Amino acid sequence: MSGFSLSSEPFTLLRDCNAVMVPQGDGVSLPAGQIGYSLLARGCSFTVYVEGNLFRIAGVDADACAFPLRPAPAARR
């Protein structure tokens, strides 16, 4: 499986970035210079494919991937 499709956007991390492995939920740090593919932007996070693994990157760290910033949603009352 290639892990990405023709609609996937390639990116190179501009800085170290915290991410969460999918589906394990383990927190990791992806290093600056890492190449990956954007698979899904939903809500306030991104799912990316990097070296055969899926990761979720929070919207506040979108600048590390040169994606538009996606702020966290406001707290519900």
N, C-alpha and C. Protein backbone atom coordinates (compact mmCIF):
# COMPACT_ATOMS: atom_id res chain seq x y z
N MET A 1 0.84 -1.19 0.00
CA MET A 1 0.00 0.00 0.00
C MET A 1 0.88 1.24 0.00
N SER A 2 0.57 2.18 -0.84
CA SER A 2 1.37 3.39 -0.93
C SER A 2 1.09 4.34 0.22
N GLY A 3 -0.13 4.32 0.78
CA GLY A 3 -0.45 5.18 1.91
C GLY A 3 -0.92 6.57 1.53
N PHE A 4 -0.85 6.91 0.27
CA PHE A 4 -1.32 8.21 -0.15
C PHE A 4 -1.94 8.09 -1.52
N SER A 5 -2.69 9.09 -1.91
CA SER A 5 -3.37 9.07 -3.19
C SER A 5 -2.96 10.27 -4.02
N LEU A 6 -3.50 10.36 -5.21
CA LEU A 6 -3.18 11.50 -6.07
C LEU A 6 -3.61 12.82 -5.46
N SER A 7 -4.59 12.79 -4.54
CA SER A 7 -5.04 14.03 -3.91
C SER A 7 -4.23 14.39 -2.67
N SER A 8 -3.31 13.53 -2.26
CA SER A 8 -2.46 13.81 -1.10
C SER A 8 -1.46 14.91 -1.43
N GLU A 9 -1.23 15.79 -0.44
CA GLU A 9 -0.28 16.88 -0.62
C GLU A 9 1.04 16.53 0.06
N PRO A 10 2.15 16.52 -0.67
CA PRO A 10 3.43 16.29 -0.02
C PRO A 10 3.84 17.51 0.81
N PHE A 11 4.59 17.27 1.87
CA PHE A 11 5.10 18.37 2.68
C PHE A 11 6.43 17.96 3.29
N THR A 12 7.18 18.95 3.71
CA THR A 12 8.42 18.75 4.47
C THR A 12 8.28 19.54 5.75
N LEU A 13 8.50 18.90 6.89
CA LEU A 13 8.37 19.60 8.16
C LEU A 13 9.42 20.71 8.26
N LEU A 14 8.96 21.89 8.62
CA LEU A 14 9.82 23.05 8.74
C LEU A 14 10.49 23.15 10.10
N ARG A 15 9.91 22.45 11.08
CA ARG A 15 10.45 22.43 12.44
C ARG A 15 10.04 21.11 13.08
N ASP A 16 10.66 20.76 14.20
CA ASP A 16 10.22 19.59 14.95
C ASP A 16 8.75 19.79 15.31
N CYS A 17 8.01 18.69 15.32
CA CYS A 17 6.56 18.80 15.51
C CYS A 17 6.05 17.62 16.32
N ASN A 18 5.23 17.89 17.33
CA ASN A 18 4.58 16.83 18.09
C ASN A 18 3.47 16.22 17.25
N ALA A 19 3.30 14.91 17.37
CA ALA A 19 2.26 14.20 16.64
C ALA A 19 1.81 13.01 17.49
N VAL A 20 0.68 12.42 17.10
CA VAL A 20 0.16 11.24 17.77
C VAL A 20 0.02 10.14 16.73
N MET A 21 0.59 8.96 17.02
CA MET A 21 0.48 7.83 16.09
C MET A 21 -0.97 7.35 16.04
N VAL A 22 -1.43 7.03 14.84
CA VAL A 22 -2.78 6.51 14.63
C VAL A 22 -2.65 5.05 14.26
N PRO A 23 -3.35 4.13 14.87
CA PRO A 23 -4.35 4.30 15.93
C PRO A 23 -3.79 4.11 17.33
N GLN A 24 -2.49 3.88 17.49
CA GLN A 24 -1.90 3.55 18.79
C GLN A 24 -2.11 4.63 19.85
N GLY A 25 -2.05 5.89 19.43
CA GLY A 25 -2.21 6.99 20.38
C GLY A 25 -0.93 7.40 21.07
N ASP A 26 0.20 6.84 20.65
CA ASP A 26 1.49 7.20 21.25
C ASP A 26 1.93 8.57 20.75
N GLY A 27 2.38 9.42 21.66
CA GLY A 27 2.92 10.71 21.29
C GLY A 27 4.34 10.57 20.77
N VAL A 28 4.66 11.28 19.70
CA VAL A 28 5.99 11.25 19.11
C VAL A 28 6.39 12.66 18.70
N SER A 29 7.66 12.83 18.42
CA SER A 29 8.14 14.08 17.87
C SER A 29 8.71 13.77 16.48
N LEU A 30 8.12 14.39 15.46
CA LEU A 30 8.62 14.23 14.10
C LEU A 30 9.67 15.32 13.86
N PRO A 31 10.83 14.97 13.29
CA PRO A 31 11.93 15.94 13.15
C PRO A 31 11.77 16.86 11.96
N ALA A 32 12.32 18.05 12.08
CA ALA A 32 12.37 18.99 10.96
C ALA A 32 13.05 18.31 9.78
N GLY A 33 12.55 18.56 8.58
CA GLY A 33 13.11 17.97 7.38
C GLY A 33 12.41 16.68 6.96
N GLN A 34 11.57 16.12 7.86
CA GLN A 34 10.84 14.89 7.55
C GLN A 34 9.87 15.15 6.40
N ILE A 35 9.81 14.23 5.44
CA ILE A 35 8.89 14.34 4.30
C ILE A 35 7.70 13.44 4.55
N GLY A 36 6.50 13.92 4.23
CA GLY A 36 5.28 13.13 4.40
C GLY A 36 4.21 13.59 3.43
N TYR A 37 3.02 13.04 3.61
CA TYR A 37 1.88 13.36 2.75
C TYR A 37 0.67 13.66 3.61
N SER A 38 -0.02 14.75 3.31
CA SER A 38 -1.25 15.11 4.00
C SER A 38 -2.38 14.26 3.46
N LEU A 39 -3.10 13.58 4.33
CA LEU A 39 -4.20 12.73 3.91
C LEU A 39 -5.56 13.34 4.20
N LEU A 40 -5.69 14.00 5.35
CA LEU A 40 -7.01 14.47 5.77
C LEU A 40 -6.86 15.66 6.70
N ALA A 41 -7.65 16.67 6.44
CA ALA A 41 -7.74 17.82 7.34
C ALA A 41 -9.18 17.86 7.82
N ARG A 42 -9.36 17.61 9.11
CA ARG A 42 -10.71 17.55 9.64
C ARG A 42 -10.72 18.22 11.01
N GLY A 43 -11.70 19.07 11.20
CA GLY A 43 -11.78 19.76 12.48
C GLY A 43 -10.55 20.60 12.70
N CYS A 44 -9.87 20.35 13.79
CA CYS A 44 -8.69 21.16 14.12
C CYS A 44 -7.41 20.33 14.09
N SER A 45 -7.36 19.30 13.22
CA SER A 45 -6.15 18.49 13.13
C SER A 45 -5.95 17.96 11.71
N PHE A 46 -4.77 17.41 11.47
CA PHE A 46 -4.41 16.84 10.19
C PHE A 46 -3.97 15.40 10.39
N THR A 47 -4.32 14.53 9.47
CA THR A 47 -3.79 13.18 9.46
C THR A 47 -2.77 13.13 8.33
N VAL A 48 -1.57 12.65 8.65
CA VAL A 48 -0.50 12.62 7.67
C VAL A 48 0.11 11.22 7.61
N TYR A 49 0.72 10.92 6.49
CA TYR A 49 1.39 9.64 6.24
C TYR A 49 2.89 9.92 6.17
N VAL A 50 3.66 9.30 7.07
CA VAL A 50 5.10 9.51 7.12
C VAL A 50 5.78 8.15 7.29
N GLU A 51 6.63 7.79 6.36
CA GLU A 51 7.41 6.56 6.43
C GLU A 51 6.58 5.34 6.84
N GLY A 52 5.44 5.15 6.20
CA GLY A 52 4.61 3.97 6.43
C GLY A 52 3.71 4.02 7.64
N ASN A 53 3.65 5.15 8.32
CA ASN A 53 2.81 5.29 9.50
C ASN A 53 1.87 6.49 9.36
N LEU A 54 0.75 6.41 10.08
CA LEU A 54 -0.19 7.52 10.13
C LEU A 54 0.00 8.28 11.43
N PHE A 55 -0.10 9.62 11.35
CA PHE A 55 0.03 10.47 12.51
C PHE A 55 -1.03 11.54 12.46
N ARG A 56 -1.46 12.00 13.65
CA ARG A 56 -2.35 13.16 13.74
C ARG A 56 -1.53 14.32 14.26
N ILE A 57 -1.62 15.44 13.56
CA ILE A 57 -0.93 16.66 13.96
C ILE A 57 -1.99 17.69 14.30
N ALA A 58 -1.87 18.29 15.48
CA ALA A 58 -2.84 19.30 15.92
C ALA A 58 -2.78 20.52 15.01
N GLY A 59 -3.93 21.15 14.84
CA GLY A 59 -4.01 22.33 13.98
C GLY A 59 -3.10 23.46 14.37
N VAL A 60 -2.80 23.58 15.67
CA VAL A 60 -1.91 24.66 16.11
C VAL A 60 -0.47 24.43 15.64
N ASP A 61 -0.15 23.20 15.22
CA ASP A 61 1.18 22.90 14.69
C ASP A 61 1.20 22.82 13.16
N ALA A 62 0.13 23.27 12.53
CA ALA A 62 0.04 23.19 11.07
C ALA A 62 1.15 23.96 10.38
N ASP A 63 1.64 25.02 11.02
CA ASP A 63 2.72 25.81 10.41
C ASP A 63 3.98 24.99 10.21
N ALA A 64 4.18 23.95 11.02
CA ALA A 64 5.35 23.09 10.86
C ALA A 64 5.33 22.36 9.52
N CYS A 65 4.12 22.14 8.99
CA CYS A 65 3.95 21.45 7.70
C CYS A 65 3.67 22.43 6.58
N ALA A 66 3.67 23.72 6.89
CA ALA A 66 3.32 24.78 5.94
C ALA A 66 1.86 24.67 5.49
N PHE A 67 1.00 24.12 6.40
CA PHE A 67 -0.44 24.09 6.15
C PHE A 67 -1.04 25.34 6.78
N PRO A 68 -2.23 25.75 6.34
CA PRO A 68 -2.90 26.86 7.02
C PRO A 68 -3.19 26.48 8.48
N LEU A 69 -2.99 27.41 9.40
CA LEU A 69 -3.26 27.14 10.81
C LEU A 69 -4.73 26.80 11.02
N ARG A 70 -4.98 25.82 11.86
CA ARG A 70 -6.34 25.42 12.22
C ARG A 70 -6.43 25.51 13.74
N PRO A 71 -6.97 26.60 14.26
CA PRO A 71 -7.02 26.76 15.72
C PRO A 71 -7.92 25.73 16.38
N ALA A 72 -7.63 25.45 17.64
CA ALA A 72 -8.47 24.53 18.41
C ALA A 72 -9.84 25.15 18.59
N PRO A 73 -10.89 24.33 18.64
CA PRO A 73 -12.24 24.87 18.82
C PRO A 73 -12.39 25.50 20.20
N ALA A 74 -13.29 26.48 20.30
CA ALA A 74 -13.57 27.12 21.57
C ALA A 74 -14.25 26.12 22.49
N ALA A 75 -14.00 26.27 23.77
CA ALA A 75 -14.62 25.37 24.76
C ALA A 75 -16.12 25.60 24.79
N ARG A 76 -16.85 24.50 24.88
CA ARG A 76 -18.32 24.61 24.98
C ARG A 76 -18.71 24.92 26.41
N ARG A 77 -19.78 25.65 26.54
CA ARG A 77 -20.27 26.02 27.87
C ARG A 77 -21.40 25.13 28.27
